[in-house]
Amino acid sequence: MVAIGQTYKRDLPPYSTVFWYYKQWCEDGILDPIMANLHQGVREQVKKNHSGQP
């Protein structure tokens, strides 16, 4: 398994900065509604694909 720091892109801020924001967003509950919205969108897309709709 490759450590996340080894695969981190160079055009992004330092890993520690990104992780700090991630922790803040988790603590503030910001990521939960985003993930719920994304999950719902995927579920709707899968449902459309199974029913033959575009």
PDB file of N, CA and C in Angstrom:
ATOM      1  N   MET A   1       0.846  -1.180   0.000  1.00  0.00           N
ATOM      2  CA  MET A   1       0.000   0.000   0.000  1.00  0.00           C
ATOM      3  C   MET A   1       0.892   1.243   0.000  1.00  0.00           C
ATOM      4  N   VAL A   2       0.534   2.214  -0.808  1.00  0.00           N
ATOM      5  CA  VAL A   2       1.307   3.444  -0.925  1.00  0.00           C
ATOM      6  C   VAL A   2       0.749   4.471   0.047  1.00  0.00           C
ATOM      7  N   ALA A   3       1.637   5.115   0.785  1.00  0.00           N
ATOM      8  CA  ALA A   3       1.203   6.159   1.719  1.00  0.00           C
ATOM      9  C   ALA A   3       0.665   7.352   0.940  1.00  0.00           C
ATOM     10  N   ILE A   4      -0.337   8.017   1.500  1.00  0.00           N
ATOM     11  CA  ILE A   4      -0.977   9.127   0.783  1.00  0.00           C
ATOM     12  C   ILE A   4       0.009  10.245   0.473  1.00  0.00           C
ATOM     13  N   GLY A   5       0.974  10.484   1.323  1.00  0.00           N
ATOM     14  CA  GLY A   5       1.947  11.528   1.079  1.00  0.00           C
ATOM     15  C   GLY A   5       2.812  11.254  -0.142  1.00  0.00           C
ATOM     16  N   GLN A   6       2.968   9.990  -0.492  1.00  0.00           N
ATOM     17  CA  GLN A   6       3.795   9.626  -1.629  1.00  0.00           C
ATOM     18  C   GLN A   6       3.079   9.845  -2.950  1.00  0.00           C
ATOM     19  N   THR A   7       1.768   9.853  -2.954  1.00  0.00           N
ATOM     20  CA  THR A   7       1.008  10.003  -4.188  1.00  0.00           C
ATOM     21  C   THR A   7       0.369  11.385  -4.309  1.00  0.00           C
ATOM     22  N   TYR A   8       0.653  12.246  -3.388  1.00  0.00           N
ATOM     23  CA  TYR A   8       0.037  13.568  -3.337  1.00  0.00           C
ATOM     24  C   TYR A   8       0.556  14.440  -4.474  1.00  0.00           C
ATOM     25  N   LYS A   9      -0.359  15.075  -5.201  1.00  0.00           N
ATOM     26  CA  LYS A   9       0.031  15.902  -6.349  1.00  0.00           C
ATOM     27  C   LYS A   9       0.773  17.158  -5.912  1.00  0.00           C
ATOM     28  N   ARG A  10       1.723  17.560  -6.717  1.00  0.00           N
ATOM     29  CA  ARG A  10       2.569  18.709  -6.398  1.00  0.00           C
ATOM     30  C   ARG A  10       1.870  20.042  -6.631  1.00  0.00           C
ATOM     31  N   ASP A  11       0.799  20.069  -7.420  1.00  0.00           N
ATOM     32  CA  ASP A  11       0.125  21.338  -7.696  1.00  0.00           C
ATOM     33  C   ASP A  11      -0.928  21.681  -6.648  1.00  0.00           C
ATOM     34  N   LEU A  12      -1.026  20.889  -5.610  1.00  0.00           N
ATOM     35  CA  LEU A  12      -1.960  21.150  -4.519  1.00  0.00           C
ATOM     36  C   LEU A  12      -1.200  21.741  -3.334  1.00  0.00           C
ATOM     37  N   PRO A  13      -1.928  22.342  -2.392  1.00  0.00           N
ATOM     38  CA  PRO A  13      -1.251  22.861  -1.187  1.00  0.00           C
ATOM     39  C   PRO A  13      -0.595  21.711  -0.417  1.00  0.00           C
ATOM     40  N   PRO A  14       0.244  22.025   0.558  1.00  0.00           N
ATOM     41  CA  PRO A  14       0.873  20.970   1.362  1.00  0.00           C
ATOM     42  C   PRO A  14      -0.183  20.057   1.994  1.00  0.00           C
ATOM     43  N   TYR A  15       0.167  18.797   2.140  1.00  0.00           N
ATOM     44  CA  TYR A  15      -0.743  17.807   2.712  1.00  0.00           C
ATOM     45  C   TYR A  15      -1.284  18.264   4.061  1.00  0.00           C
ATOM     46  N   SER A  16      -0.431  18.840   4.891  1.00  0.00           N
ATOM     47  CA  SER A  16      -0.866  19.257   6.225  1.00  0.00           C
ATOM     48  C   SER A  16      -1.964  20.321   6.147  1.00  0.00           C
ATOM     49  N   THR A  17      -1.901  21.200   5.162  1.00  0.00           N
ATOM     50  CA  THR A  17      -2.926  22.231   4.981  1.00  0.00           C
ATOM     51  C   THR A  17      -4.244  21.596   4.550  1.00  0.00           C
ATOM     52  N   VAL A  18      -4.174  20.709   3.592  1.00  0.00           N
ATOM     53  CA  VAL A  18      -5.382  20.029   3.110  1.00  0.00           C
ATOM     54  C   VAL A  18      -6.016  19.227   4.230  1.00  0.00           C
ATOM     55  N   PHE A  19      -5.185  18.508   4.997  1.00  0.00           N
ATOM     56  CA  PHE A  19      -5.712  17.693   6.084  1.00  0.00           C
ATOM     57  C   PHE A  19      -6.342  18.562   7.170  1.00  0.00           C
ATOM     58  N   TRP A  20      -5.731  19.721   7.452  1.00  0.00           N
ATOM     59  CA  TRP A  20      -6.298  20.636   8.453  1.00  0.00           C
ATOM     60  C   TRP A  20      -7.698  21.062   8.039  1.00  0.00           C
ATOM     61  N   TYR A  21      -7.867  21.453   6.774  1.00  0.00           N
ATOM     62  CA  TYR A  21      -9.195  21.842   6.292  1.00  0.00           C
ATOM     63  C   TYR A  21     -10.165  20.669   6.345  1.00  0.00           C
ATOM     64  N   TYR A  22      -9.699  19.502   5.951  1.00  0.00           N
ATOM     65  CA  TYR A  22     -10.553  18.308   5.997  1.00  0.00           C
ATOM     66  C   TYR A  22     -11.053  18.066   7.424  1.00  0.00           C
ATOM     67  N   LYS A  23     -10.158  18.142   8.415  1.00  0.00           N
ATOM     68  CA  LYS A  23     -10.569  17.956   9.815  1.00  0.00           C
ATOM     69  C   LYS A  23     -11.577  19.004  10.236  1.00  0.00           C
ATOM     70  N   GLN A  24     -11.344  20.266   9.852  1.00  0.00           N
ATOM     71  CA  GLN A  24     -12.273  21.340  10.208  1.00  0.00           C
ATOM     72  C   GLN A  24     -13.650  21.088   9.612  1.00  0.00           C
ATOM     73  N   TRP A  25     -13.674  20.698   8.344  1.00  0.00           N
ATOM     74  CA  TRP A  25     -14.946  20.456   7.667  1.00  0.00           C
ATOM     75  C   TRP A  25     -15.675  19.268   8.284  1.00  0.00           C
ATOM     76  N   CYS A  26     -14.923  18.239   8.676  1.00  0.00           N
ATOM     77  CA  CYS A  26     -15.553  17.096   9.345  1.00  0.00           C
ATOM     78  C   CYS A  26     -16.160  17.508  10.675  1.00  0.00           C
ATOM     79  N   GLU A  27     -15.404  18.262  11.453  1.00  0.00           N
ATOM     80  CA  GLU A  27     -15.882  18.711  12.757  1.00  0.00           C
ATOM     81  C   GLU A  27     -17.087  19.636  12.642  1.00  0.00           C
ATOM     82  N   ASP A  28     -17.125  20.452  11.606  1.00  0.00           N
ATOM     83  CA  ASP A  28     -18.231  21.391  11.410  1.00  0.00           C
ATOM     84  C   ASP A  28     -19.435  20.751  10.729  1.00  0.00           C
ATOM     85  N   GLY A  29     -19.302  19.500  10.296  1.00  0.00           N
ATOM     86  CA  GLY A  29     -20.408  18.800   9.651  1.00  0.00           C
ATOM     87  C   GLY A  29     -20.656  19.233   8.215  1.00  0.00           C
ATOM     88  N   ILE A  30     -19.662  19.842   7.594  1.00  0.00           N
ATOM     89  CA  ILE A  30     -19.822  20.331   6.224  1.00  0.00           C
ATOM     90  C   ILE A  30     -19.820  19.187   5.215  1.00  0.00           C
ATOM     91  N   LEU A  31     -19.022  18.167   5.476  1.00  0.00           N
ATOM     92  CA  LEU A  31     -18.882  17.085   4.499  1.00  0.00           C
ATOM     93  C   LEU A  31     -20.092  16.152   4.455  1.00  0.00           C
ATOM     94  N   ASP A  32     -20.813  16.033   5.559  1.00  0.00           N
ATOM     95  CA  ASP A  32     -21.957  15.118   5.595  1.00  0.00           C
ATOM     96  C   ASP A  32     -23.028  15.463   4.560  1.00  0.00           C
ATOM     97  N   PRO A  33     -23.503  16.723   4.477  1.00  0.00           N
ATOM     98  CA  PRO A  33     -24.518  17.024   3.465  1.00  0.00           C
ATOM     99  C   PRO A  33     -23.972  16.917   2.037  1.00  0.00           C
ATOM    100  N   ILE A  34     -22.686  17.225   1.860  1.00  0.00           N
ATOM    101  CA  ILE A  34     -22.096  17.091   0.525  1.00  0.00           C
ATOM    102  C   ILE A  34     -22.098  15.623   0.108  1.00  0.00           C
ATOM    103  N   MET A  35     -21.659  14.760   1.007  1.00  0.00           N
ATOM    104  CA  MET A  35     -21.624  13.322   0.689  1.00  0.00           C
ATOM    105  C   MET A  35     -23.039  12.772   0.482  1.00  0.00           C
ATOM    106  N   ALA A  36     -23.999  13.232   1.271  1.00  0.00           N
ATOM    107  CA  ALA A  36     -25.377  12.773   1.105  1.00  0.00           C
ATOM    108  C   ALA A  36     -25.916  13.181  -0.264  1.00  0.00           C
ATOM    109  N   ASN A  37     -25.604  14.408  -0.673  1.00  0.00           N
ATOM    110  CA  ASN A  37     -26.053  14.891  -1.975  1.00  0.00           C
ATOM    111  C   ASN A  37     -25.417  14.091  -3.101  1.00  0.00           C
ATOM    112  N   LEU A  38     -24.128  13.848  -3.009  1.00  0.00           N
ATOM    113  CA  LEU A  38     -23.446  13.046  -4.025  1.00  0.00           C
ATOM    114  C   LEU A  38     -23.985  11.626  -4.071  1.00  0.00           C
ATOM    115  N   HIS A  39     -24.217  11.048  -2.903  1.00  0.00           N
ATOM    116  CA  HIS A  39     -24.750   9.690  -2.826  1.00  0.00           C
ATOM    117  C   HIS A  39     -26.127   9.610  -3.473  1.00  0.00           C
ATOM    118  N   GLN A  40     -26.964  10.595  -3.192  1.00  0.00           N
ATOM    119  CA  GLN A  40     -28.306  10.625  -3.789  1.00  0.00           C
ATOM    120  C   GLN A  40     -28.213  10.737  -5.305  1.00  0.00           C
ATOM    121  N   GLY A  41     -27.313  11.566  -5.799  1.00  0.00           N
ATOM    122  CA  GLY A  41     -27.146  11.715  -7.240  1.00  0.00           C
ATOM    123  C   GLY A  41     -26.717  10.420  -7.909  1.00  0.00           C
ATOM    124  N   VAL A  42     -25.813   9.708  -7.266  1.00  0.00           N
ATOM    125  CA  VAL A  42     -25.369   8.422  -7.813  1.00  0.00           C
ATOM    126  C   VAL A  42     -26.518   7.422  -7.801  1.00  0.00           C
ATOM    127  N   ARG A  43     -27.274   7.388  -6.716  1.00  0.00           N
ATOM    128  CA  ARG A  43     -28.411   6.460  -6.631  1.00  0.00           C
ATOM    129  C   ARG A  43     -29.439   6.755  -7.723  1.00  0.00           C
ATOM    130  N   GLU A  44     -29.700   8.035  -7.976  1.00  0.00           N
ATOM    131  CA  GLU A  44     -30.647   8.405  -9.027  1.00  0.00           C
ATOM    132  C   GLU A  44     -30.117   8.008 -10.399  1.00  0.00           C
ATOM    133  N   GLN A  45     -28.828   8.197 -10.619  1.00  0.00           N
ATOM    134  CA  GLN A  45     -28.233   7.841 -11.904  1.00  0.00           C
ATOM    135  C   GLN A  45     -28.287   6.334 -12.132  1.00  0.00           C
ATOM    136  N   VAL A  46     -27.998   5.556 -11.113  1.00  0.00           N
ATOM    137  CA  VAL A  46     -28.056   4.100 -11.239  1.00  0.00           C
ATOM    138  C   VAL A  46     -29.491   3.660 -11.516  1.00  0.00           C
ATOM    139  N   LYS A  47     -30.442   4.284 -10.839  1.00  0.00           N
ATOM    140  CA  LYS A  47     -31.841   3.942 -11.039  1.00  0.00           C
ATOM    141  C   LYS A  47     -32.257   4.236 -12.473  1.00  0.00           C
ATOM    142  N   LYS A  48     -31.833   5.379 -13.031  1.00  0.00           N
ATOM    143  CA  LYS A  48     -32.154   5.712 -14.408  1.00  0.00           C
ATOM    144  C   LYS A  48     -31.543   4.719 -15.375  1.00  0.00           C
ATOM    145  N   ASN A  49     -30.305   4.321 -15.130  1.00  0.00           N
ATOM    146  CA  ASN A  49     -29.638   3.369 -16.003  1.00  0.00           C
ATOM    147  C   ASN A  49     -30.322   2.010 -15.998  1.00  0.00           C
ATOM    148  N   HIS A  50     -30.813   1.576 -14.848  1.00  0.00           N
ATOM    149  CA  HIS A  50     -31.470   0.286 -14.761  1.00  0.00           C
ATOM    150  C   HIS A  50     -32.859   0.314 -15.405  1.00  0.00           C
ATOM    151  N   SER A  51     -33.492   1.456 -15.454  1.00  0.00           N
ATOM    152  CA  SER A  51     -34.830   1.521 -16.042  1.00  0.00           C
ATOM    153  C   SER A  51     -34.791   1.796 -17.553  1.00  0.00           C
ATOM    154  N   GLY A  52     -33.594   1.931 -18.103  1.00  0.00           N
ATOM    155  CA  GLY A  52     -33.475   2.154 -19.540  1.00  0.00           C
ATOM    156  C   GLY A  52     -33.534   3.603 -19.964  1.00  0.00           C
ATOM    157  N   GLN A  53     -33.635   4.519 -19.019  1.00  0.00           N
ATOM    158  CA  GLN A  53     -33.656   5.949 -19.337  1.00  0.00           C
ATOM    159  C   GLN A  53     -32.221   6.457 -19.483  1.00  0.00           C
ATOM    160  N   PRO A  54     -32.037   7.544 -20.250  1.00  0.00           N
ATOM    161  CA  PRO A  54     -30.674   8.088 -20.416  1.00  0.00           C
ATOM    162  C   PRO A  54     -30.141   8.691 -19.148  1.00  0.00           C
TER     163      PRO A  54
END
